[in-house]
Amino acid sequence: LSPLAAQAASPTVLIKEAYLGTTGNASDEYVVIVNSGSNAVNVTGLQVQYKSATGTAWSKKAVVTETKTLAPYGVLTFATQRPHDVALTDGLAQAGGNLRLLAASGQVFDQIAWGTGNAPEGTATKAPAAGQPVTRRCDDNAHTCQDTGNNSADFMVPAAPVAPAKAPSTSSIAPAATKAAEQAAAPTSPVVEASIEI
């Protein structure tokens, strides 16, 4: 899949952050995705796939097996060891690699390459050092995330190493039935009327 094709197919579900391990624990990895749109998205069956820096074949690292709906600006965390919504298989190389989000329909939602990764949208972003995340440029207060179709512009690596105690909050994610119950119990929360099926 070409970088242009990946970018053109991408809807509002994006990779928000990828954490590729620490010096003492290379398997401590997680991937956070975000719905940057204004409508809820059904992410049931969505896969996180990885390809080595110079590889040609994608491999599945995680799949959403339960029925889940991603609320507007909601996040979903895939992790190997930290608190998570979905388990992630380890093996993300720090020097270079590629990640993509593949919907159950086969549509590529988003794609990123770092370091020497060979399948970027645009050009690959900088490879992180051990303990540093690769982070999309997002404004959590404004509920917006940058997505120009160029990984080097849309992602950054913090100047100082970061090793958070736990993966980011996933409070806005729940299986569809649970989400409906939570909305009924909290009438002040906006109810999403429209959704996108994948």
Protein backbone atom coordinates (compact mmCIF):
# COMPACT_ATOMS: atom_id res chain seq x y z
CA LEU A 1 0.00 0.00 0.00
CA SER A 2 1.49 3.32 -1.01
CA PRO A 3 1.74 6.22 1.48
CA LEU A 4 -0.69 8.22 -0.66
CA ALA A 5 -3.27 5.44 -0.67
CA ALA A 6 -2.99 5.03 3.09
CA GLN A 7 -3.51 8.73 3.65
CA ALA A 8 -6.45 8.96 1.26
CA ALA A 9 -8.30 6.08 2.95
CA SER A 10 -7.84 7.41 6.47
CA PRO A 11 -10.99 8.61 8.30
CA THR A 12 -11.09 10.16 11.77
CA VAL A 13 -9.58 7.24 13.73
CA LEU A 14 -5.88 8.02 14.12
CA ILE A 15 -2.79 6.74 15.88
CA LYS A 16 -2.26 9.21 18.72
CA GLU A 17 0.82 7.75 20.39
CA ALA A 18 3.21 4.82 20.16
CA TYR A 19 5.53 3.86 23.02
CA LEU A 20 8.30 1.46 22.04
CA GLY A 21 9.78 0.39 25.37
CA THR A 22 12.59 1.41 27.72
CA THR A 23 16.25 0.53 28.03
CA GLY A 24 15.47 -1.89 30.85
CA ASN A 25 12.29 -3.29 29.33
CA ALA A 26 12.03 -3.25 25.56
CA SER A 27 8.72 -5.15 25.72
CA ASP A 28 6.95 -2.36 27.63
CA GLU A 29 5.01 -1.04 24.63
CA TYR A 30 1.67 0.56 23.92
CA VAL A 31 -0.29 2.20 21.10
CA VAL A 32 -3.07 4.73 21.69
CA ILE A 33 -5.63 5.56 19.03
CA VAL A 34 -8.07 8.49 19.00
CA ASN A 35 -11.29 9.37 17.22
CA SER A 36 -10.59 12.92 16.06
CA GLY A 37 -14.02 13.33 14.50
CA SER A 38 -17.38 14.58 15.79
CA ASN A 39 -19.25 11.28 15.30
CA ALA A 40 -18.85 8.00 17.16
CA VAL A 41 -17.04 5.21 15.30
CA ASN A 42 -17.58 1.47 15.59
CA VAL A 43 -14.07 -0.01 15.93
CA THR A 44 -15.10 -3.64 16.34
CA GLY A 45 -12.62 -5.84 14.48
CA LEU A 46 -10.02 -3.10 14.06
CA GLN A 47 -6.42 -4.35 14.00
CA VAL A 48 -3.14 -2.74 14.96
CA GLN A 49 -0.60 -4.06 12.46
CA TYR A 50 3.18 -3.76 12.42
CA LYS A 51 5.82 -4.13 9.74
CA SER A 52 9.58 -4.06 10.27
CA ALA A 53 11.54 -1.11 8.92
CA THR A 54 12.39 -2.78 5.61
CA GLY A 55 9.78 -5.51 5.66
CA THR A 56 7.12 -6.27 3.05
CA ALA A 57 4.53 -8.11 5.15
CA TRP A 58 2.28 -6.70 7.88
CA SER A 59 1.63 -8.71 11.04
CA LYS A 60 -1.26 -8.37 13.51
CA LYS A 61 -0.24 -7.05 16.93
CA ALA A 62 -3.75 -6.52 18.34
CA VAL A 63 -7.40 -6.80 17.38
CA VAL A 64 -10.57 -5.39 18.94
CA THR A 65 -12.61 -8.56 19.46
CA GLU A 66 -15.44 -7.05 21.54
CA THR A 67 -18.10 -4.70 20.23
CA LYS A 68 -16.68 -1.24 20.90
CA THR A 69 -17.66 2.29 19.97
CA LEU A 70 -15.11 5.08 19.99
CA ALA A 71 -16.74 8.32 21.11
CA PRO A 72 -15.76 11.70 19.63
CA TYR A 73 -12.19 12.35 20.84
CA GLY A 74 -12.30 9.09 22.74
CA VAL A 75 -9.15 7.00 23.00
CA LEU A 76 -8.44 3.29 22.99
CA THR A 77 -5.25 1.85 24.45
CA PHE A 78 -3.46 -1.28 23.26
CA ALA A 79 -0.61 -2.32 25.58
CA THR A 80 1.70 -5.22 26.36
CA GLN A 81 2.03 -4.69 30.12
CA ARG A 82 0.32 -1.47 31.24
CA PRO A 83 -3.40 -0.93 31.87
CA HIS A 84 -5.19 -1.25 28.55
CA ASP A 85 -8.41 -1.87 26.68
CA VAL A 86 -6.91 -4.40 24.29
CA ALA A 87 -3.80 -6.56 24.67
CA LEU A 88 -0.86 -5.81 22.36
CA THR A 89 1.82 -8.27 21.25
CA ASP A 90 5.31 -6.83 21.71
CA GLY A 91 8.06 -6.44 19.11
CA LEU A 92 8.04 -2.80 17.95
CA ALA A 93 11.59 -1.80 16.96
CA GLN A 94 12.80 1.59 18.17
CA ALA A 95 15.25 2.34 15.38
CA GLY A 96 12.61 2.04 12.70
CA GLY A 97 9.26 0.46 11.99
CA ASN A 98 5.75 0.91 10.65
CA LEU A 99 2.30 0.77 12.25
CA ARG A 100 -1.13 0.92 10.68
CA LEU A 101 -4.77 0.68 11.75
CA LEU A 102 -6.73 -1.77 9.62
CA ALA A 103 -10.54 -1.77 9.87
CA ALA A 104 -12.55 -4.99 9.71
CA SER A 105 -13.56 -3.92 6.20
CA GLY A 106 -9.91 -3.87 5.08
CA GLN A 107 -9.75 -0.07 5.01
CA VAL A 108 -6.53 1.49 6.29
CA PHE A 109 -7.51 4.13 8.84
CA ASP A 110 -4.04 5.48 9.60
CA GLN A 111 -0.38 4.64 9.07
CA ILE A 112 2.90 5.79 10.58
CA ALA A 113 6.58 5.07 10.02
CA TRP A 114 9.42 6.20 12.28
CA GLY A 115 13.17 6.16 11.85
CA THR A 116 14.06 3.87 8.95
CA GLY A 117 10.48 2.68 8.48
CA ASN A 118 9.64 2.23 4.78
CA ALA A 119 5.86 2.78 4.73
CA PRO A 120 5.14 6.31 5.96
CA GLU A 121 2.42 8.76 5.11
CA GLY A 122 4.61 11.40 3.47
CA THR A 123 7.98 11.00 5.21
CA ALA A 124 8.81 9.04 8.35
CA THR A 125 8.94 10.79 11.70
CA LYS A 126 12.00 10.77 13.95
CA ALA A 127 12.82 7.53 15.78
CA PRO A 128 12.42 7.86 19.56
CA ALA A 129 15.07 7.03 22.13
CA ALA A 130 14.35 4.35 24.71
CA GLY A 131 11.60 5.58 27.04
CA GLN A 132 10.30 8.20 24.60
CA PRO A 133 6.90 8.05 22.88
CA VAL A 134 6.15 9.05 19.32
CA THR A 135 3.24 11.46 19.79
CA ARG A 136 0.79 13.02 17.34
CA ARG A 137 0.42 16.80 17.58
CA CYS A 138 -2.95 17.07 19.34
CA ASP A 139 -4.68 19.76 21.38
CA ASP A 140 -6.61 17.86 24.03
CA ASN A 141 -8.39 21.00 25.20
CA ALA A 142 -9.66 21.81 21.71
CA HIS A 143 -10.19 18.11 20.87
CA THR A 144 -8.19 18.36 17.66
CA CYS A 145 -5.35 16.32 16.18
CA GLN A 146 -3.12 17.26 13.27
CA ASP A 147 -3.39 14.97 10.25
CA THR A 148 -1.75 16.43 7.14
CA GLY A 149 -0.80 13.05 5.68
CA ASN A 150 2.88 13.60 6.53
CA ASN A 151 4.21 11.65 9.52
CA SER A 152 7.22 13.92 10.01
CA ALA A 153 4.92 16.94 10.36
CA ASP A 154 2.11 15.28 12.32
CA PHE A 155 4.21 13.48 14.98
CA MET A 156 6.89 14.58 17.40
CA VAL A 157 9.27 12.98 19.89
CA PRO A 158 9.50 14.80 23.24
CA ALA A 159 12.90 16.35 23.94
CA ALA A 160 13.27 14.49 27.24
CA PRO A 161 12.68 10.77 27.78
CA VAL A 162 9.19 9.99 29.06
CA ALA A 163 8.17 6.82 30.89
CA PRO A 164 4.58 7.29 32.12
CA ALA A 165 3.42 5.21 35.06
CA LYS A 166 0.47 3.94 33.07
CA ALA A 167 -1.05 4.19 29.64
CA PRO A 168 -3.34 7.17 28.94
CA SER A 169 -6.92 7.17 30.24
CA THR A 170 -9.54 5.29 28.26
CA SER A 171 -12.60 6.47 30.18
CA SER A 172 -14.51 7.44 27.05
CA ILE A 173 -14.34 3.94 25.58
CA ALA A 174 -16.74 1.13 26.36
CA PRO A 175 -18.53 -1.75 24.67
CA ALA A 176 -21.70 -0.48 23.02
CA ALA A 177 -24.09 -1.74 25.73
CA THR A 178 -21.94 -0.38 28.55
CA LYS A 179 -21.56 2.97 26.80
CA ALA A 180 -25.36 3.30 26.47
CA ALA A 181 -25.82 2.52 30.18
CA GLU A 182 -23.21 5.09 31.17
CA GLN A 183 -24.88 7.74 29.05
CA ALA A 184 -28.25 6.99 30.68
CA ALA A 185 -26.67 7.34 34.11
CA ALA A 186 -25.00 10.63 33.19
CA PRO A 187 -27.58 12.83 31.42
CA THR A 188 -25.22 15.80 31.29
CA SER A 189 -22.95 13.92 28.85
CA PRO A 190 -23.78 14.49 25.16
CA VAL A 191 -25.42 11.55 23.47
CA VAL A 192 -24.00 10.68 20.07
CA GLU A 193 -26.78 10.22 17.54
CA ALA A 194 -24.70 9.43 14.46
CA SER A 195 -22.13 6.70 14.08
CA ILE A 196 -19.88 5.35 11.38
CA GLU A 197 -19.85 1.61 10.72
CA ILE A 198 -16.64 0.03 9.42
